[in-house]
Amino acid sequence: MSRRCLVINLNKCSGCDSCIVSCKHENNVSLGNYWNRVLAIGPVGDYPDIQMYWLPIMCQQCENAACVKVCPTGASYRDPQNNVVLIDKEKCIGCQYCQYACPYGVRQYNKEEGVVEKCTLCNHLTATSDGVENWDDTLDPAHAAPPCVHNCSCGARFFGDLDDPKSAAYQALAAADPADIHYLPDPGNAKPATAYILSSKYAQWKELV
């Protein structure tokens, strides 16, 4: 089964927020809501030994997604073709159970539509993609990636199937030192798939609480 997600190299991320802007533009995300956020971690330490990095947070595409389990209508589901966690707005009744169940706070309530929304990995663009290359106008849709990836000014974001050696996400992790690969804290058995690469020579990974 496919394990599609984003891999983000924090050694390269500059905190420019272009991923936030491209996400809101592509998905027409309502004012005040964000499907992708970038947190400033730090600065910590004493001059001149100061450490800081930026941490983008979006749907973690958990292996055991609590949001899917608690949804009473089946609105939160996995795409049967590629296993991406999605929301069917036609079935969503706005109960927000999924929002409460998400351990990462990445689901947003759209007051105007009365539904919950979140990052979809731009499945409307990438449903048939293999994630081999970052998207641009010269590539065919089979190699599409979400706009947050191809608009990343530092080339810090990678998309694809973690089980496909040809995908950009797989290759980014394969090239990294295993000690530099991190995940958001798992409060139970969610098993978030989204991975972050951060070398200790730039900053120490900080566990969010």
N, C-alpha and C. Protein backbone atom coordinates (compact mmCIF):
# COMPACT_ATOMS: atom_id res chain seq x y z
N MET A 1 0.85 -1.20 0.00
CA MET A 1 0.00 0.00 0.00
C MET A 1 0.88 1.24 0.00
N SER A 2 0.49 2.22 -0.78
CA SER A 2 1.26 3.46 -0.90
C SER A 2 1.33 4.21 0.43
N ARG A 3 2.48 4.84 0.68
CA ARG A 3 2.64 5.72 1.84
C ARG A 3 3.09 7.08 1.34
N ARG A 4 2.13 7.84 0.84
CA ARG A 4 2.45 9.16 0.30
C ARG A 4 2.54 10.20 1.42
N CYS A 5 3.54 11.04 1.32
CA CYS A 5 3.68 12.11 2.30
C CYS A 5 4.71 13.10 1.81
N LEU A 6 5.00 14.08 2.64
CA LEU A 6 6.06 15.04 2.38
C LEU A 6 7.26 14.71 3.25
N VAL A 7 8.43 14.94 2.73
CA VAL A 7 9.67 14.91 3.50
C VAL A 7 10.25 16.32 3.41
N ILE A 8 10.63 16.87 4.54
CA ILE A 8 11.08 18.27 4.57
C ILE A 8 12.48 18.35 5.17
N ASN A 9 13.39 18.90 4.40
CA ASN A 9 14.77 19.06 4.84
C ASN A 9 14.90 20.40 5.55
N LEU A 10 14.90 20.36 6.88
CA LEU A 10 14.96 21.58 7.67
C LEU A 10 16.32 22.25 7.60
N ASN A 11 17.33 21.53 7.13
CA ASN A 11 18.65 22.15 6.92
C ASN A 11 18.58 23.22 5.84
N LYS A 12 17.58 23.08 4.95
CA LYS A 12 17.44 24.01 3.83
C LYS A 12 16.34 25.05 4.05
N CYS A 13 15.36 24.74 4.90
CA CYS A 13 14.20 25.63 5.05
C CYS A 13 14.62 26.97 5.64
N SER A 14 14.19 28.06 4.99
CA SER A 14 14.55 29.41 5.43
C SER A 14 13.40 30.11 6.15
N GLY A 15 12.25 29.44 6.28
CA GLY A 15 11.11 30.08 6.92
C GLY A 15 10.49 31.18 6.09
N CYS A 16 10.60 31.07 4.77
CA CYS A 16 10.11 32.14 3.89
C CYS A 16 8.59 32.17 3.76
N ASP A 17 7.92 31.07 4.14
CA ASP A 17 6.45 30.95 4.10
C ASP A 17 5.88 30.83 2.69
N SER A 18 6.72 30.58 1.70
CA SER A 18 6.16 30.42 0.34
C SER A 18 5.26 29.19 0.27
N CYS A 19 5.53 28.17 1.10
CA CYS A 19 4.67 26.99 1.12
C CYS A 19 3.28 27.34 1.64
N ILE A 20 3.22 28.23 2.61
CA ILE A 20 1.93 28.67 3.15
C ILE A 20 1.13 29.40 2.08
N VAL A 21 1.79 30.32 1.40
CA VAL A 21 1.13 31.14 0.37
C VAL A 21 0.64 30.28 -0.78
N SER A 22 1.50 29.37 -1.26
CA SER A 22 1.11 28.54 -2.40
C SER A 22 -0.02 27.60 -2.03
N CYS A 23 -0.04 27.10 -0.79
CA CYS A 23 -1.12 26.23 -0.33
C CYS A 23 -2.44 26.99 -0.29
N LYS A 24 -2.43 28.17 0.30
CA LYS A 24 -3.67 28.95 0.40
C LYS A 24 -4.18 29.34 -0.98
N HIS A 25 -3.26 29.68 -1.87
CA HIS A 25 -3.67 30.09 -3.22
C HIS A 25 -4.26 28.92 -4.00
N GLU A 26 -3.59 27.78 -3.99
CA GLU A 26 -4.03 26.62 -4.77
C GLU A 26 -5.36 26.08 -4.27
N ASN A 27 -5.55 26.08 -2.93
CA ASN A 27 -6.73 25.44 -2.36
C ASN A 27 -7.81 26.42 -1.88
N ASN A 28 -7.58 27.69 -2.15
CA ASN A 28 -8.55 28.72 -1.75
C ASN A 28 -8.91 28.58 -0.26
N VAL A 29 -7.88 28.46 0.57
CA VAL A 29 -8.08 28.29 2.00
C VAL A 29 -8.62 29.58 2.60
N SER A 30 -9.66 29.46 3.40
CA SER A 30 -10.37 30.63 3.92
C SER A 30 -9.50 31.48 4.83
N LEU A 31 -9.85 32.74 4.95
CA LEU A 31 -9.10 33.71 5.76
C LEU A 31 -9.00 33.23 7.20
N GLY A 32 -7.80 33.23 7.73
CA GLY A 32 -7.58 32.83 9.11
C GLY A 32 -7.28 31.35 9.29
N ASN A 33 -7.49 30.55 8.24
CA ASN A 33 -7.20 29.12 8.29
C ASN A 33 -5.91 28.81 7.53
N TYR A 34 -5.23 27.78 7.97
CA TYR A 34 -3.98 27.37 7.34
C TYR A 34 -3.91 25.85 7.29
N TRP A 35 -3.70 25.31 6.10
CA TRP A 35 -3.49 23.87 5.97
C TRP A 35 -2.02 23.53 6.16
N ASN A 36 -1.19 24.53 6.08
CA ASN A 36 0.25 24.39 6.28
C ASN A 36 0.71 25.57 7.11
N ARG A 37 1.41 25.29 8.21
CA ARG A 37 1.95 26.35 9.07
C ARG A 37 3.45 26.17 9.18
N VAL A 38 4.16 27.25 9.46
CA VAL A 38 5.60 27.17 9.68
C VAL A 38 5.91 27.78 11.04
N LEU A 39 6.41 26.94 11.95
CA LEU A 39 6.74 27.39 13.30
C LEU A 39 8.21 27.73 13.41
N ALA A 40 8.52 28.78 14.16
CA ALA A 40 9.91 29.11 14.47
C ALA A 40 10.29 28.37 15.74
N ILE A 41 11.26 27.50 15.65
CA ILE A 41 11.74 26.74 16.81
C ILE A 41 13.04 27.40 17.30
N GLY A 42 12.95 28.06 18.41
CA GLY A 42 14.07 28.84 18.93
C GLY A 42 13.83 30.33 18.70
N PRO A 43 14.86 31.15 18.86
CA PRO A 43 16.25 30.76 19.10
C PRO A 43 16.48 30.31 20.54
N VAL A 44 17.43 29.39 20.69
CA VAL A 44 17.84 28.91 22.00
C VAL A 44 19.36 28.96 22.09
N GLY A 45 19.87 28.98 23.31
CA GLY A 45 21.31 29.00 23.51
C GLY A 45 21.81 30.38 23.88
N ASP A 46 23.09 30.48 24.04
CA ASP A 46 23.75 31.73 24.39
C ASP A 46 24.71 32.14 23.28
N TYR A 47 24.70 33.43 22.98
CA TYR A 47 25.58 33.96 21.94
C TYR A 47 27.03 33.60 22.24
N PRO A 48 27.79 33.12 21.25
CA PRO A 48 27.44 33.03 19.82
C PRO A 48 26.85 31.67 19.43
N ASP A 49 26.58 30.82 20.40
CA ASP A 49 26.06 29.49 20.10
C ASP A 49 24.54 29.49 20.13
N ILE A 50 23.96 30.09 19.10
CA ILE A 50 22.51 30.21 18.99
C ILE A 50 22.00 29.21 17.96
N GLN A 51 20.91 28.53 18.28
CA GLN A 51 20.31 27.58 17.35
C GLN A 51 18.85 27.96 17.09
N MET A 52 18.45 27.79 15.85
CA MET A 52 17.06 28.06 15.46
C MET A 52 16.78 27.36 14.14
N TYR A 53 15.55 26.88 13.98
CA TYR A 53 15.14 26.34 12.69
C TYR A 53 13.64 26.55 12.53
N TRP A 54 13.17 26.35 11.31
CA TRP A 54 11.76 26.52 11.00
C TRP A 54 11.14 25.16 10.75
N LEU A 55 9.93 24.97 11.28
CA LEU A 55 9.28 23.65 11.23
C LEU A 55 7.91 23.76 10.56
N PRO A 56 7.80 23.38 9.29
CA PRO A 56 6.48 23.35 8.64
C PRO A 56 5.66 22.18 9.19
N ILE A 57 4.39 22.44 9.46
CA ILE A 57 3.50 21.40 9.97
C ILE A 57 2.23 21.36 9.13
N MET A 58 1.91 20.18 8.66
CA MET A 58 0.70 19.94 7.89
C MET A 58 0.21 18.55 8.23
N CYS A 59 -0.81 18.04 7.54
CA CYS A 59 -1.27 16.68 7.78
C CYS A 59 -0.09 15.73 7.70
N GLN A 60 0.03 14.89 8.73
CA GLN A 60 1.18 13.99 8.83
C GLN A 60 0.95 12.65 8.13
N GLN A 61 -0.22 12.47 7.52
CA GLN A 61 -0.55 11.24 6.81
C GLN A 61 -0.23 10.01 7.69
N CYS A 62 -0.82 10.01 8.88
CA CYS A 62 -0.56 8.96 9.87
C CYS A 62 -0.99 7.58 9.35
N GLU A 63 -0.19 6.60 9.69
CA GLU A 63 -0.52 5.22 9.32
C GLU A 63 -1.80 4.77 10.01
N ASN A 64 -1.93 5.13 11.28
CA ASN A 64 -3.15 4.84 12.04
C ASN A 64 -3.86 6.15 12.33
N ALA A 65 -4.52 6.68 11.33
CA ALA A 65 -5.11 8.01 11.42
C ALA A 65 -6.36 8.02 12.30
N ALA A 66 -6.25 8.66 13.47
CA ALA A 66 -7.38 8.73 14.40
C ALA A 66 -8.54 9.50 13.80
N CYS A 67 -8.25 10.46 12.94
CA CYS A 67 -9.30 11.27 12.31
C CYS A 67 -10.25 10.40 11.49
N VAL A 68 -9.70 9.39 10.83
CA VAL A 68 -10.52 8.49 10.02
C VAL A 68 -11.36 7.59 10.93
N LYS A 69 -10.77 7.15 12.02
CA LYS A 69 -11.45 6.22 12.91
C LYS A 69 -12.65 6.85 13.62
N VAL A 70 -12.55 8.14 13.98
CA VAL A 70 -13.62 8.76 14.78
C VAL A 70 -14.72 9.39 13.92
N CYS A 71 -14.49 9.55 12.63
CA CYS A 71 -15.48 10.22 11.78
C CYS A 71 -16.77 9.39 11.71
N PRO A 72 -17.91 9.96 12.11
CA PRO A 72 -19.16 9.18 12.16
C PRO A 72 -19.83 8.99 10.80
N THR A 73 -19.39 9.74 9.79
CA THR A 73 -20.07 9.66 8.50
C THR A 73 -19.20 9.09 7.38
N GLY A 74 -17.94 8.83 7.67
CA GLY A 74 -17.04 8.37 6.63
C GLY A 74 -16.49 9.49 5.78
N ALA A 75 -16.68 10.74 6.24
CA ALA A 75 -16.17 11.89 5.48
C ALA A 75 -14.65 11.91 5.48
N SER A 76 -14.05 11.52 6.59
CA SER A 76 -12.60 11.37 6.64
C SER A 76 -12.28 9.94 6.21
N TYR A 77 -11.48 9.82 5.17
CA TYR A 77 -11.24 8.50 4.58
C TYR A 77 -9.88 8.49 3.90
N ARG A 78 -9.49 7.31 3.44
CA ARG A 78 -8.28 7.18 2.64
C ARG A 78 -8.64 6.95 1.18
N ASP A 79 -7.94 7.65 0.30
CA ASP A 79 -8.14 7.43 -1.13
C ASP A 79 -7.79 5.98 -1.44
N PRO A 80 -8.72 5.22 -1.99
CA PRO A 80 -8.46 3.79 -2.25
C PRO A 80 -7.36 3.55 -3.27
N GLN A 81 -7.04 4.58 -4.06
CA GLN A 81 -6.01 4.41 -5.09
C GLN A 81 -4.60 4.67 -4.57
N ASN A 82 -4.46 5.63 -3.64
CA ASN A 82 -3.10 6.00 -3.21
C ASN A 82 -2.94 6.12 -1.70
N ASN A 83 -4.01 5.85 -0.93
CA ASN A 83 -3.93 5.79 0.52
C ASN A 83 -3.82 7.14 1.21
N VAL A 84 -3.98 8.24 0.50
CA VAL A 84 -3.89 9.57 1.09
C VAL A 84 -5.13 9.84 1.95
N VAL A 85 -4.93 10.40 3.15
CA VAL A 85 -6.04 10.75 4.02
C VAL A 85 -6.71 12.01 3.48
N LEU A 86 -8.02 11.91 3.24
CA LEU A 86 -8.77 13.00 2.63
C LEU A 86 -10.06 13.27 3.39
N ILE A 87 -10.76 14.32 3.00
CA ILE A 87 -12.08 14.65 3.57
C ILE A 87 -13.08 14.85 2.43
N ASP A 88 -14.18 14.13 2.50
CA ASP A 88 -15.28 14.29 1.55
C ASP A 88 -16.24 15.33 2.13
N LYS A 89 -16.20 16.54 1.58
CA LYS A 89 -17.02 17.62 2.11
C LYS A 89 -18.52 17.33 2.01
N GLU A 90 -18.90 16.52 1.04
CA GLU A 90 -20.31 16.19 0.87
C GLU A 90 -20.83 15.36 2.04
N LYS A 91 -19.93 14.61 2.68
CA LYS A 91 -20.32 13.77 3.81
C LYS A 91 -20.06 14.42 5.16
N CYS A 92 -19.23 15.46 5.17
CA CYS A 92 -18.85 16.10 6.44
C CYS A 92 -20.03 16.86 7.03
N ILE A 93 -20.32 16.63 8.30
CA ILE A 93 -21.41 17.32 8.99
C ILE A 93 -20.89 18.38 9.95
N GLY A 94 -19.59 18.62 9.93
CA GLY A 94 -19.01 19.68 10.75
C GLY A 94 -18.98 19.40 12.23
N CYS A 95 -19.01 18.12 12.62
CA CYS A 95 -19.02 17.77 14.05
C CYS A 95 -17.67 18.04 14.71
N GLN A 96 -16.63 18.09 13.91
CA GLN A 96 -15.26 18.38 14.35
C GLN A 96 -14.64 17.29 15.22
N TYR A 97 -15.23 16.10 15.25
CA TYR A 97 -14.62 14.99 16.00
C TYR A 97 -13.20 14.73 15.50
N CYS A 98 -13.02 14.78 14.19
CA CYS A 98 -11.70 14.52 13.61
C CYS A 98 -10.70 15.58 14.04
N GLN A 99 -11.19 16.80 14.15
CA GLN A 99 -10.33 17.90 14.56
C GLN A 99 -9.81 17.69 15.99
N TYR A 100 -10.71 17.22 16.86
CA TYR A 100 -10.30 16.94 18.24
C TYR A 100 -9.37 15.73 18.32
N ALA A 101 -9.57 14.77 17.42
CA ALA A 101 -8.79 13.53 17.46
C ALA A 101 -7.38 13.70 16.90
N CYS A 102 -7.19 14.67 16.02
CA CYS A 102 -5.88 14.87 15.39
C CYS A 102 -4.87 15.35 16.43
N PRO A 103 -3.78 14.62 16.65
CA PRO A 103 -2.81 15.03 17.66
C PRO A 103 -1.91 16.18 17.22
N TYR A 104 -2.04 16.60 15.97
CA TYR A 104 -1.12 17.61 15.45
C TYR A 104 -1.80 18.95 15.13
N GLY A 105 -3.09 19.05 15.38
CA GLY A 105 -3.80 20.31 15.19
C GLY A 105 -3.77 20.83 13.77
N VAL A 106 -3.80 19.92 12.81
CA VAL A 106 -3.65 20.36 11.41
C VAL A 106 -4.97 20.47 10.67
N ARG A 107 -6.07 20.13 11.33
CA ARG A 107 -7.38 20.25 10.70
C ARG A 107 -8.02 21.58 11.07
N GLN A 108 -8.66 22.20 10.10
CA GLN A 108 -9.24 23.52 10.29
C GLN A 108 -10.74 23.48 9.99
N TYR A 109 -11.50 24.22 10.79
CA TYR A 109 -12.95 24.29 10.56
C TYR A 109 -13.28 25.48 9.68
N ASN A 110 -13.91 25.22 8.56
CA ASN A 110 -14.35 26.27 7.65
C ASN A 110 -15.75 26.70 8.04
N LYS A 111 -15.86 27.84 8.70
CA LYS A 111 -17.15 28.31 9.22
C LYS A 111 -18.14 28.59 8.11
N GLU A 112 -17.65 29.11 7.00
CA GLU A 112 -18.55 29.47 5.90
C GLU A 112 -19.21 28.23 5.29
N GLU A 113 -18.46 27.16 5.16
CA GLU A 113 -18.99 25.94 4.56
C GLU A 113 -19.48 24.94 5.59
N GLY A 114 -19.11 25.14 6.86
CA GLY A 114 -19.55 24.21 7.91
C GLY A 114 -18.91 22.84 7.82
N VAL A 115 -17.66 22.82 7.35
CA VAL A 115 -16.94 21.55 7.18
C VAL A 115 -15.53 21.69 7.70
N VAL A 116 -14.90 20.55 7.93
CA VAL A 116 -13.49 20.53 8.33
C VAL A 116 -12.63 20.33 7.08
N GLU A 117 -11.48 20.99 7.06
CA GLU A 117 -10.56 20.90 5.92
C GLU A 117 -9.15 20.64 6.42
N LYS A 118 -8.29 20.24 5.50
CA LYS A 118 -6.87 20.04 5.83
C LYS A 118 -6.06 19.87 4.55
N CYS A 119 -4.75 19.74 4.73
CA CYS A 119 -3.87 19.43 3.60
C CYS A 119 -4.28 18.10 2.97
N THR A 120 -4.35 18.09 1.66
CA THR A 120 -4.72 16.88 0.91
C THR A 120 -3.55 16.36 0.07
N LEU A 121 -2.35 16.93 0.28
CA LEU A 121 -1.23 16.68 -0.62
C LEU A 121 -1.61 17.07 -2.04
N CYS A 122 -2.56 18.02 -2.14
CA CYS A 122 -3.09 18.46 -3.43
C CYS A 122 -3.43 17.26 -4.31
N ASN A 123 -4.25 16.38 -3.73
CA ASN A 123 -4.59 15.14 -4.42
C ASN A 123 -5.28 15.39 -5.75
N HIS A 124 -5.92 16.55 -5.90
CA HIS A 124 -6.57 16.87 -7.18
C HIS A 124 -5.53 17.05 -8.29
N LEU A 125 -4.29 17.33 -7.91
CA LEU A 125 -3.20 17.47 -8.89
C LEU A 125 -2.31 16.24 -8.95
N THR A 126 -2.20 15.55 -7.83
CA THR A 126 -1.17 14.51 -7.71
C THR A 126 -1.72 13.08 -7.64
N ALA A 127 -3.03 12.91 -7.82
CA ALA A 127 -3.64 11.60 -7.63
C ALA A 127 -2.97 10.51 -8.45
N THR A 128 -2.52 10.84 -9.66
CA THR A 128 -1.89 9.85 -10.52
C THR A 128 -0.37 10.00 -10.56
N SER A 129 0.16 10.86 -9.68
CA SER A 129 1.59 11.13 -9.71
C SER A 129 2.38 10.05 -9.00
N ASP A 130 3.62 9.84 -9.44
CA ASP A 130 4.50 8.92 -8.75
C ASP A 130 5.52 9.65 -7.89
N GLY A 131 5.50 10.98 -7.95
CA GLY A 131 6.39 11.75 -7.09
C GLY A 131 7.86 11.64 -7.45
N VAL A 132 8.15 11.28 -8.70
CA VAL A 132 9.54 11.09 -9.10
C VAL A 132 10.28 12.42 -9.14
N GLU A 133 9.61 13.45 -9.62
CA GLU A 133 10.26 14.75 -9.74
C GLU A 133 9.34 15.84 -9.21
N ASN A 134 9.94 16.96 -8.83
CA ASN A 134 9.14 18.12 -8.46
C ASN A 134 8.43 18.65 -9.70
N TRP A 135 7.20 19.09 -9.50
CA TRP A 135 6.37 19.51 -10.62
C TRP A 135 6.84 20.82 -11.23
N ASP A 136 6.76 20.94 -12.52
CA ASP A 136 6.83 22.23 -13.18
C ASP A 136 6.07 22.10 -14.50
N ASP A 137 5.98 23.18 -15.23
CA ASP A 137 5.13 23.19 -16.43
C ASP A 137 5.63 22.27 -17.54
N THR A 138 6.86 21.80 -17.44
CA THR A 138 7.40 20.97 -18.51
C THR A 138 7.21 19.48 -18.26
N LEU A 139 6.75 19.13 -17.06
CA LEU A 139 6.61 17.72 -16.71
C LEU A 139 5.17 17.26 -16.88
N ASP A 140 5.01 16.01 -17.22
CA ASP A 140 3.66 15.51 -17.36
C ASP A 140 3.07 15.24 -15.98
N PRO A 141 1.70 15.16 -15.88
CA PRO A 141 1.05 15.04 -14.57
C PRO A 141 1.48 13.82 -13.76
N ALA A 142 2.03 12.82 -14.41
CA ALA A 142 2.48 11.63 -13.70
C ALA A 142 3.62 11.94 -12.74
N HIS A 143 4.27 13.10 -12.93
CA HIS A 143 5.38 13.50 -12.07
C HIS A 143 5.02 14.74 -11.24
N ALA A 144 3.74 14.96 -11.02
CA ALA A 144 3.31 16.15 -10.31
C ALA A 144 3.62 16.06 -8.82
N ALA A 145 3.86 17.21 -8.22
CA ALA A 145 4.01 17.34 -6.77
C ALA A 145 3.16 18.52 -6.33
N PRO A 146 2.80 18.60 -5.07
CA PRO A 146 1.99 19.73 -4.59
C PRO A 146 2.69 21.07 -4.83
N PRO A 147 1.92 22.14 -5.02
CA PRO A 147 2.51 23.46 -5.25
C PRO A 147 3.46 23.90 -4.14
N CYS A 148 3.23 23.47 -2.90
CA CYS A 148 4.14 23.85 -1.83
C CYS A 148 5.53 23.30 -2.08
N VAL A 149 5.62 22.20 -2.82
CA VAL A 149 6.91 21.59 -3.14
C VAL A 149 7.60 22.36 -4.25
N HIS A 150 6.89 22.57 -5.36
CA HIS A 150 7.58 23.21 -6.48
C HIS A 150 7.71 24.72 -6.31
N ASN A 151 7.05 25.30 -5.28
CA ASN A 151 7.25 26.72 -4.98
C ASN A 151 8.21 26.94 -3.81
N CYS A 152 8.76 25.88 -3.27
CA CYS A 152 9.72 26.03 -2.17
C CYS A 152 10.99 26.67 -2.71
N SER A 153 11.30 27.86 -2.24
CA SER A 153 12.42 28.62 -2.80
C SER A 153 13.77 28.01 -2.46
N CYS A 154 13.81 27.15 -1.45
CA CYS A 154 15.07 26.54 -1.03
C CYS A 154 15.20 25.07 -1.41
N GLY A 155 14.18 24.52 -2.06
CA GLY A 155 14.22 23.11 -2.43
C GLY A 155 14.25 22.19 -1.23
N ALA A 156 13.49 22.58 -0.20
CA ALA A 156 13.51 21.83 1.06
C ALA A 156 12.43 20.78 1.16
N ARG A 157 11.48 20.79 0.23
CA ARG A 157 10.32 19.90 0.35
C ARG A 157 10.34 18.83 -0.75
N PHE A 158 9.97 17.61 -0.36
CA PHE A 158 9.97 16.48 -1.29
C PHE A 158 8.66 15.70 -1.11
N PHE A 159 8.11 15.23 -2.22
CA PHE A 159 6.84 14.53 -2.20
C PHE A 159 6.99 13.16 -2.86
N GLY A 160 6.24 12.19 -2.35
CA GLY A 160 6.21 10.90 -3.01
C GLY A 160 5.84 9.77 -2.08
N ASP A 161 5.95 8.57 -2.59
CA ASP A 161 5.63 7.35 -1.87
C ASP A 161 6.90 6.85 -1.17
N LEU A 162 6.82 6.71 0.15
CA LEU A 162 7.98 6.27 0.92
C LEU A 162 8.40 4.84 0.60
N ASP A 163 7.55 4.10 -0.07
CA ASP A 163 7.88 2.74 -0.44
C ASP A 163 8.33 2.61 -1.89
N ASP A 164 8.45 3.74 -2.58
CA ASP A 164 8.86 3.73 -3.99
C ASP A 164 10.26 4.33 -4.12
N PRO A 165 11.28 3.52 -4.39
CA PRO A 165 12.65 4.03 -4.49
C PRO A 165 12.83 5.12 -5.55
N LYS A 166 11.90 5.23 -6.48
CA LYS A 166 12.01 6.25 -7.52
C LYS A 166 11.50 7.61 -7.06
N SER A 167 10.75 7.65 -5.96
CA SER A 167 10.11 8.90 -5.55
C SER A 167 11.11 9.84 -4.89
N ALA A 168 10.82 11.13 -5.00
CA ALA A 168 11.69 12.15 -4.41
C ALA A 168 11.73 12.04 -2.89
N ALA A 169 10.59 11.70 -2.28
CA ALA A 169 10.54 11.57 -0.82
C ALA A 169 11.43 10.42 -0.34
N TYR A 170 11.32 9.29 -1.01
CA TYR A 170 12.15 8.12 -0.67
C TYR A 170 13.62 8.46 -0.80
N GLN A 171 13.99 9.09 -1.89
CA GLN A 171 15.39 9.39 -2.16
C GLN A 171 15.95 10.40 -1.18
N ALA A 172 15.13 11.37 -0.76
CA ALA A 172 15.60 12.36 0.21
C ALA A 172 15.94 11.69 1.54
N LEU A 173 15.11 10.74 1.97
CA LEU A 173 15.39 10.03 3.22
C LEU A 173 16.58 9.09 3.07
N ALA A 174 16.66 8.45 1.92
CA ALA A 174 17.76 7.51 1.69
C ALA A 174 19.11 8.21 1.71
N ALA A 175 19.14 9.47 1.30
CA ALA A 175 20.39 10.23 1.24
C ALA A 175 20.77 10.84 2.59
N ALA A 176 19.84 10.83 3.54
CA ALA A 176 20.07 11.47 4.84
C ALA A 176 20.68 10.49 5.84
N ASP A 177 21.42 11.02 6.78
CA ASP A 177 21.92 10.23 7.89
C ASP A 177 20.72 9.83 8.74
N PRO A 178 20.55 8.54 9.06
CA PRO A 178 19.41 8.12 9.87
C PRO A 178 19.26 8.90 11.18
N ALA A 179 20.38 9.37 11.73
CA ALA A 179 20.34 10.15 12.98
C ALA A 179 19.71 11.52 12.78
N ASP A 180 19.63 11.96 11.52
CA ASP A 180 19.09 13.28 11.20
C ASP A 180 17.62 13.24 10.81
N ILE A 181 17.00 12.06 10.82
CA ILE A 181 15.60 11.92 10.42
C ILE A 181 14.71 11.94 11.66
N HIS A 182 13.70 12.81 11.62
CA HIS A 182 12.86 13.01 12.79
C HIS A 182 11.37 13.00 12.40
N TYR A 183 10.53 12.78 13.41
CA TYR A 183 9.08 12.79 13.22
C TYR A 183 8.46 13.57 14.37
N LEU A 184 7.28 14.12 14.14
CA LEU A 184 6.59 14.78 15.24
C LEU A 184 6.25 13.75 16.31
N PRO A 185 6.19 14.15 17.57
CA PRO A 185 5.92 13.21 18.66
C PRO A 185 4.63 12.43 18.42
N ASP A 186 4.70 11.13 18.65
CA ASP A 186 3.54 10.26 18.48
C ASP A 186 2.90 10.04 19.85
N PRO A 187 1.70 10.59 20.09
CA PRO A 187 1.09 10.48 21.41
C PRO A 187 0.55 9.10 21.73
N GLY A 188 0.48 8.25 20.74
CA GLY A 188 -0.05 6.90 20.96
C GLY A 188 0.49 5.96 19.94
N ASN A 189 -0.35 5.64 18.95
CA ASN A 189 0.07 4.74 17.89
C ASN A 189 -0.31 5.31 16.53
N ALA A 190 -0.22 6.63 16.40
CA ALA A 190 -0.61 7.28 15.14
C ALA A 190 0.34 6.92 14.00
N LYS A 191 1.64 6.85 14.30
CA LYS A 191 2.67 6.57 13.32
C LYS A 191 2.65 7.58 12.17
N PRO A 192 2.99 8.84 12.45
CA PRO A 192 3.03 9.84 11.39
C PRO A 192 4.07 9.48 10.33
N ALA A 193 3.70 9.66 9.07
CA ALA A 193 4.60 9.30 7.97
C ALA A 193 5.50 10.46 7.56
N THR A 194 5.03 11.68 7.73
CA THR A 194 5.80 12.85 7.32
C THR A 194 7.11 12.91 8.09
N ALA A 195 8.20 13.04 7.36
CA ALA A 195 9.53 13.01 7.98
C ALA A 195 10.23 14.35 7.81
N TYR A 196 11.07 14.66 8.78
CA TYR A 196 11.86 15.89 8.78
C TYR A 196 13.34 15.53 8.89
N ILE A 197 14.16 16.21 8.11
CA ILE A 197 15.60 16.01 8.15
C ILE A 197 16.24 17.23 8.79
N LEU A 198 16.96 17.03 9.87
CA LEU A 198 17.66 18.13 10.54
C LEU A 198 18.97 17.62 11.10
N SER A 199 20.06 18.19 10.63
CA SER A 199 21.39 17.81 11.10
C SER A 199 21.72 18.55 12.39
N SER A 200 22.34 17.85 13.33
CA SER A 200 22.71 18.47 14.60
C SER A 200 23.76 19.55 14.44
N LYS A 201 24.43 19.59 13.30
CA LYS A 201 25.43 20.65 13.10
C LYS A 201 24.76 22.00 12.85
N TYR A 202 23.46 21.96 12.52
CA TYR A 202 22.70 23.19 12.35
C TYR A 202 21.87 23.51 13.58
N ALA A 203 21.20 22.51 14.13
CA ALA A 203 20.36 22.72 15.32
C ALA A 203 19.98 21.37 15.89
N GLN A 204 19.67 21.34 17.18
CA GLN A 204 19.19 20.15 17.83
C GLN A 204 17.67 20.07 17.67
N TRP A 205 17.19 18.90 17.24
CA TRP A 205 15.75 18.67 17.12
C TRP A 205 15.08 18.84 18.47
N LYS A 206 14.00 19.62 18.50
CA LYS A 206 13.27 19.86 19.73
C LYS A 206 11.92 19.15 19.67
N GLU A 207 11.63 18.32 20.66
CA GLU A 207 10.34 17.64 20.72
C GLU A 207 9.26 18.64 21.11
N LEU A 208 8.22 18.76 20.28
CA LEU A 208 7.11 19.63 20.61
C LEU A 208 6.25 18.96 21.67
N VAL A 209 5.76 19.72 22.61
CA VAL A 209 4.89 19.17 23.67
C VAL A 209 3.57 19.89 23.68
